[in-house]
């Protein structure tokens, strides 16, 4: 029976816990600085959507620079995870009551990408995958030339 209690804890990754805690601290710091309630669990859906819309539009790093576009999505996921872990019935990632804040977040992410904030892990992976594909393609092409010369 003890294993049944222990396994769910093993499924939770340390980085996920750390990320959720980090983004919750960012939220709390921002909310306090604006005079809002920093307990995200206390909000009704409509009020939270308005607050999150402002949060996503205004949030910056402590040095004043913008977060990376992918970080904004991680932020949304972390806040949503916090709600879920605390038995909230709302999901800012899925519920239609939160369309506005998601649109603000996506609009900001697109604007940042257009300004050149494109250097993300996903971009690097795409370039790497393309390079690897081109290498495999080149090897295959040369192999085909060798085979055709032998056949002739």
Protein backbone atom coordinates (compact mmCIF):
# COMPACT_ATOMS: atom_id res chain seq x y z
CA UNK A 1 0.00 0.00 0.00
CA UNK A 2 2.90 2.37 0.66
CA UNK A 3 4.06 2.02 -2.94
CA UNK A 4 0.65 3.28 -4.13
CA UNK A 5 1.27 6.51 -2.24
CA UNK A 6 4.87 6.81 -3.36
CA UNK A 7 4.51 6.30 -7.14
CA UNK A 8 2.52 9.46 -7.93
CA UNK A 9 5.26 11.52 -6.25
CA UNK A 10 7.85 9.85 -8.48
CA UNK A 11 5.90 10.92 -11.58
CA UNK A 12 6.34 14.61 -10.77
CA UNK A 13 9.51 15.99 -12.29
CA UNK A 14 11.68 18.31 -10.22
CA UNK A 15 12.03 20.80 -13.07
CA UNK A 16 8.24 21.03 -13.42
CA UNK A 17 7.89 21.80 -9.72
CA UNK A 18 10.67 24.39 -9.94
CA UNK A 19 9.19 26.01 -13.06
CA UNK A 20 5.73 26.23 -11.51
CA UNK A 21 7.15 27.79 -8.36
CA UNK A 22 9.24 30.28 -10.35
CA UNK A 23 6.33 31.49 -12.49
CA UNK A 24 4.03 31.68 -9.48
CA UNK A 25 6.60 33.94 -7.83
CA UNK A 26 6.69 36.12 -10.95
CA UNK A 27 2.87 36.32 -10.87
CA UNK A 28 2.79 37.16 -7.15
CA UNK A 29 5.46 39.83 -7.51
CA UNK A 30 3.64 41.45 -10.43
CA UNK A 31 0.22 41.26 -8.72
CA UNK A 32 1.56 42.83 -5.53
CA UNK A 33 3.28 45.62 -7.48
CA UNK A 34 -0.05 46.45 -9.19
CA UNK A 35 -2.11 46.24 -6.00
CA UNK A 36 -3.94 43.07 -7.05
CA UNK A 37 -4.63 39.99 -4.96
CA UNK A 38 -1.64 37.71 -5.50
CA UNK A 39 -3.61 34.54 -4.70
CA UNK A 40 -4.56 33.35 -8.17
CA UNK A 41 -6.99 30.83 -6.63
CA UNK A 42 -9.24 33.58 -5.22
CA UNK A 43 -10.27 35.05 -8.58
CA UNK A 44 -13.47 34.44 -10.49
CA UNK A 45 -12.90 33.49 -14.13
CA UNK A 46 -13.80 36.85 -15.71
CA UNK A 47 -11.71 38.86 -13.27
CA UNK A 48 -8.77 36.48 -13.62
CA UNK A 49 -8.93 36.74 -17.42
CA UNK A 50 -8.70 40.54 -17.17
CA UNK A 51 -5.82 40.35 -14.69
CA UNK A 52 -3.92 37.78 -16.72
CA UNK A 53 -4.41 39.82 -19.88
CA UNK A 54 -2.65 42.75 -18.20
CA UNK A 55 -0.05 40.44 -16.68
CA UNK A 56 0.87 38.85 -20.03
CA UNK A 57 0.95 42.25 -21.76
CA UNK A 58 3.10 43.96 -19.11
CA UNK A 59 5.37 41.26 -17.73
CA UNK A 60 9.10 41.69 -18.25
CA UNK A 61 12.27 40.33 -16.72
CA UNK A 62 13.77 42.17 -13.75
CA UNK A 63 16.26 43.87 -16.12
CA UNK A 64 13.37 45.25 -18.19
CA UNK A 65 13.86 42.97 -21.19
CA UNK A 66 11.14 40.78 -22.64
CA UNK A 67 10.82 37.08 -21.98
CA UNK A 68 11.37 34.72 -24.88
CA UNK A 69 8.16 33.82 -26.77
CA UNK A 70 8.38 30.18 -25.65
CA UNK A 71 8.77 31.32 -22.03
CA UNK A 72 5.37 32.98 -22.25
CA UNK A 73 3.74 29.65 -23.08
CA UNK A 74 5.64 27.97 -20.25
CA UNK A 75 4.34 30.72 -17.96
CA UNK A 76 0.74 30.01 -18.95
CA UNK A 77 1.23 26.28 -18.44
CA UNK A 78 2.81 26.82 -15.01
CA UNK A 79 -0.03 29.06 -13.81
CA UNK A 80 -2.57 26.56 -15.14
CA UNK A 81 -0.73 23.71 -13.43
CA UNK A 82 -0.83 25.62 -10.12
CA UNK A 83 -4.60 26.01 -10.45
CA UNK A 84 -5.02 22.32 -11.24
CA UNK A 85 -2.78 21.20 -8.36
CA UNK A 86 -4.92 23.24 -6.00
CA UNK A 87 -8.17 21.63 -7.20
CA UNK A 88 -9.37 24.69 -9.11
CA UNK A 89 -12.20 24.00 -11.53
CA UNK A 90 -10.89 26.52 -14.05
CA UNK A 91 -8.22 26.08 -16.70
CA UNK A 92 -6.64 29.19 -18.18
CA UNK A 93 -5.15 27.00 -20.91
CA UNK A 94 -8.43 25.45 -22.06
CA UNK A 95 -11.55 27.28 -20.83
CA UNK A 96 -13.24 29.70 -23.21
CA UNK A 97 -13.50 32.30 -20.45
CA UNK A 98 -9.75 32.84 -20.89
CA UNK A 99 -9.66 33.44 -24.64
CA UNK A 100 -8.71 37.09 -24.14
CA UNK A 101 -5.62 36.45 -22.01
CA UNK A 102 -4.48 33.67 -24.35
CA UNK A 103 -4.88 36.03 -27.32
CA UNK A 104 -2.84 38.70 -25.52
CA UNK A 105 -0.15 36.13 -24.77
CA UNK A 106 -0.06 34.81 -28.33
CA UNK A 107 -0.09 38.34 -29.78
CA UNK A 108 2.85 39.33 -27.60
CA UNK A 109 4.74 36.14 -28.54
CA UNK A 110 4.19 36.84 -32.26
CA UNK A 111 5.28 40.47 -31.89
CA UNK A 112 8.46 39.34 -30.11
CA UNK A 113 9.19 36.80 -32.84
CA UNK A 114 8.71 39.50 -35.49
CA UNK A 115 11.17 41.71 -33.60
CA UNK A 116 13.72 38.95 -33.91
CA UNK A 117 13.21 37.00 -30.69
CA UNK A 118 13.28 33.75 -32.66
CA UNK A 119 16.28 32.01 -31.18
CA UNK A 120 14.56 29.29 -29.22
CA UNK A 121 15.18 25.64 -28.57
CA UNK A 122 12.45 24.75 -31.08
CA UNK A 123 14.12 26.85 -33.79
CA UNK A 124 17.48 25.26 -33.03
CA UNK A 125 15.96 21.77 -33.21
CA UNK A 126 14.34 22.57 -36.55
CA UNK A 127 17.63 23.82 -37.99
CA UNK A 128 19.48 20.83 -36.58
CA UNK A 129 16.91 18.39 -37.99
CA UNK A 130 17.09 20.09 -41.38
CA UNK A 131 20.91 19.92 -41.37
CA UNK A 132 20.81 16.25 -40.41
CA UNK A 133 18.26 15.59 -43.16
CA UNK A 134 20.47 17.37 -45.71
CA UNK A 135 23.49 15.31 -44.63
CA UNK A 136 21.55 12.05 -44.97
CA UNK A 137 20.18 13.22 -48.33
CA UNK A 138 23.69 14.07 -49.59
CA UNK A 139 25.06 10.67 -48.49
CA UNK A 140 22.13 8.92 -50.20
CA UNK A 141 22.67 10.93 -53.40
CA UNK A 142 26.37 10.04 -53.52
CA UNK A 143 25.57 6.39 -52.81
CA UNK A 144 23.13 6.39 -55.71
CA UNK A 145 25.82 7.81 -58.03
CA UNK A 146 28.23 5.06 -56.97
CA UNK A 147 25.60 2.37 -57.50
CA UNK A 148 24.70 3.71 -60.93
CA UNK A 149 28.39 3.79 -61.99
CA UNK A 150 28.85 0.18 -60.84
CA UNK A 151 25.70 -0.89 -62.67
CA UNK A 152 26.76 0.75 -65.91
